[in-house]
Amino acid sequence: MKIISLIVAEDDQDDQLLIKEAFEECDFDTKDIIFVQDGEELIQTLGSTENESSIILLDLNMPKKDGREALMEIRANEKTKHIPVIILSTSDQKEDIKFTYKHGANTYFSKPSTFDELVALCATVKKYWMEKASL
C-alpha cells in the first residue's frame, strides 16, 4: 500500500474520534492522519506540509473558515490545487453538493448515521483513494 497522509478538517471532537476509529477498522495506519479544527488551520497545515501524497477529508460547516472557503482557497493555490479533496458533511443539500463540485471537490459524502456505515465509507475512501488512484 502507498503511504498517504490524510488531513481531516473536522471541528467536532467526537466525529474526529469516530473517523479515526473507522479508519483503524479498515487497517489504515492512523499515525498518517492529521486532524485540524477549521479551514484556517487546514490552510496553515497545507502550507507547512511538504508531503506531496496527501488527501483532504473536509467538513463544510466549521468555525473561522468553513469548508467552502477552504476548498476555494485550496483550488486557487498552485501548490495545493492538485490535492484530492473529499467532502464529508452533514449537509445533503443540493446547493452544497453542486457548490463543492463546481469548486473542485473530488468526491462528496454525506456523513453516515451509524458507525458501521462510517467504516464502510472509510473503507471505500481507503480502497479507491489510497490504494487504486494515482496521486
Protein backbone atom coordinates (compact mmCIF):
# COMPACT_ATOMS: atom_id res chain seq x y z
CA MET A 1 0.00 0.00 0.00
CA LYS A 2 1.16 3.54 -0.77
CA ILE A 3 1.94 5.81 2.17
CA ILE A 4 -0.67 8.56 2.11
CA SER A 5 -1.25 11.22 4.69
CA LEU A 6 -4.88 12.03 5.38
CA ILE A 7 -5.69 15.53 6.57
CA VAL A 8 -9.08 15.61 8.26
CA ALA A 9 -10.65 19.06 8.68
CA GLU A 10 -13.35 18.45 11.29
CA ASP A 11 -14.22 20.67 14.25
CA ASP A 12 -16.27 18.10 16.20
CA GLN A 13 -14.02 16.10 18.56
CA ASP A 14 -16.47 13.18 18.67
CA ASP A 15 -16.53 12.98 14.85
CA GLN A 16 -12.72 13.09 14.81
CA LEU A 17 -12.59 10.11 17.16
CA LEU A 18 -15.17 8.18 15.13
CA ILE A 19 -13.30 8.86 11.88
CA LYS A 20 -10.03 7.73 13.46
CA GLU A 21 -11.66 4.54 14.80
CA ALA A 22 -13.35 3.85 11.46
CA PHE A 23 -10.03 4.08 9.60
CA GLU A 24 -8.44 1.82 12.24
CA GLU A 25 -11.18 -0.73 11.48
CA CYS A 26 -10.04 -0.56 7.83
CA ASP A 27 -6.39 -1.25 8.75
CA PHE A 28 -5.28 2.30 7.92
CA ASP A 29 -2.30 3.45 9.97
CA THR A 30 -3.81 6.34 11.89
CA LYS A 31 -0.37 7.85 12.55
CA ASP A 32 -0.79 9.09 8.97
CA ILE A 33 -3.91 11.11 9.91
CA ILE A 34 -3.56 14.80 10.72
CA PHE A 35 -6.61 16.41 12.35
CA VAL A 36 -7.32 20.14 12.06
CA GLN A 37 -10.17 22.07 13.68
CA ASP A 38 -11.15 24.52 10.94
CA GLY A 39 -10.36 25.83 7.50
CA GLU A 40 -7.73 28.28 8.74
CA GLU A 41 -5.77 25.51 10.45
CA LEU A 42 -6.16 23.37 7.32
CA ILE A 43 -4.63 26.06 5.09
CA GLN A 44 -1.80 26.60 7.59
CA THR A 45 -1.14 22.84 7.72
CA LEU A 46 -1.07 22.59 3.94
CA GLY A 47 1.40 25.47 3.83
CA SER A 48 3.73 23.73 6.26
CA THR A 49 3.40 20.19 4.90
CA GLU A 50 5.81 19.02 2.24
CA ASN A 51 4.04 15.69 1.75
CA GLU A 52 3.00 15.52 -1.89
CA SER A 53 0.78 12.49 -1.31
CA SER A 54 -1.97 13.89 0.86
CA ILE A 55 -5.72 13.61 0.73
CA ILE A 56 -8.07 16.04 2.46
CA LEU A 57 -11.27 14.93 4.17
CA LEU A 58 -13.17 18.21 4.53
CA ASP A 59 -16.21 19.11 6.60
CA LEU A 60 -18.19 22.07 5.26
CA ASN A 61 -19.52 23.55 8.48
CA MET A 62 -16.61 24.69 10.64
CA PRO A 63 -15.74 27.87 12.54
CA LYS A 64 -13.34 30.60 11.39
CA LYS A 65 -13.02 29.47 7.76
CA ASP A 66 -15.63 26.96 6.64
CA GLY A 67 -15.04 24.11 4.22
CA ARG A 68 -16.41 26.04 1.24
CA GLU A 69 -13.91 28.87 1.74
CA ALA A 70 -11.07 26.40 2.38
CA LEU A 71 -11.92 24.44 -0.78
CA MET A 72 -11.83 27.59 -2.93
CA GLU A 73 -8.50 28.61 -1.39
CA ILE A 74 -7.00 25.14 -1.91
CA ARG A 75 -8.03 25.11 -5.57
CA ALA A 76 -6.76 28.67 -6.16
CA ASN A 77 -3.27 27.84 -4.87
CA GLU A 78 -0.75 26.33 -7.32
CA LYS A 79 0.90 24.32 -4.53
CA THR A 80 -2.31 22.69 -3.28
CA LYS A 81 -4.76 22.61 -6.19
CA HIS A 82 -3.72 19.03 -7.13
CA ILE A 83 -4.59 17.55 -3.70
CA PRO A 84 -7.71 15.35 -3.72
CA VAL A 85 -10.47 16.85 -1.57
CA ILE A 86 -13.21 14.57 -0.26
CA ILE A 87 -16.15 16.36 1.31
CA LEU A 88 -17.65 14.68 4.39
CA SER A 89 -20.52 16.79 5.63
CA THR A 90 -23.82 16.51 7.47
CA SER A 91 -25.32 18.55 4.65
CA ASP A 92 -27.12 16.70 1.89
CA GLN A 93 -28.35 19.95 0.33
CA LYS A 94 -28.14 20.03 -3.48
CA GLU A 95 -26.72 23.57 -3.32
CA ASP A 96 -23.79 22.40 -1.15
CA ILE A 97 -23.10 19.40 -3.36
CA LYS A 98 -23.19 21.49 -6.55
CA PHE A 99 -21.06 24.22 -4.98
CA THR A 100 -18.31 21.82 -3.91
CA TYR A 101 -18.14 20.04 -7.26
CA LYS A 102 -18.16 23.41 -9.07
CA HIS A 103 -15.19 24.48 -6.96
CA GLY A 104 -13.16 21.32 -7.46
CA ALA A 105 -14.13 18.75 -4.83
CA ASN A 106 -13.29 15.24 -5.97
CA THR A 107 -15.98 13.40 -4.03
CA TYR A 108 -18.92 14.31 -1.79
CA PHE A 109 -20.20 12.10 1.01
CA SER A 110 -22.95 12.89 3.49
CA LYS A 111 -21.92 11.82 6.97
CA PRO A 112 -23.38 8.41 7.72
CA SER A 113 -25.73 7.90 10.64
CA THR A 114 -24.11 4.72 12.02
CA PHE A 115 -20.57 3.69 12.83
CA ASP A 116 -20.82 0.67 10.52
CA GLU A 117 -21.75 2.97 7.64
CA LEU A 118 -18.80 5.22 8.52
CA VAL A 119 -16.46 2.21 8.48
CA ALA A 120 -17.83 1.25 5.05
CA LEU A 121 -17.31 4.81 3.80
CA CYS A 122 -13.73 4.89 5.15
CA ALA A 123 -13.07 1.51 3.52
CA THR A 124 -14.28 2.94 0.21
CA VAL A 125 -12.05 6.01 0.59
CA LYS A 126 -9.07 3.84 1.52
CA LYS A 127 -9.61 1.36 -1.30
CA TYR A 128 -10.05 3.95 -4.03
CA TRP A 129 -8.02 6.99 -2.98
CA MET A 130 -5.23 5.26 -1.08
CA GLU A 131 -4.81 2.00 -2.99
CA LYS A 132 -6.13 2.46 -6.54
CA ALA A 133 -5.88 6.11 -7.56
CA SER A 134 -2.61 7.55 -8.81
CA LEU A 135 -1.62 10.60 -6.82
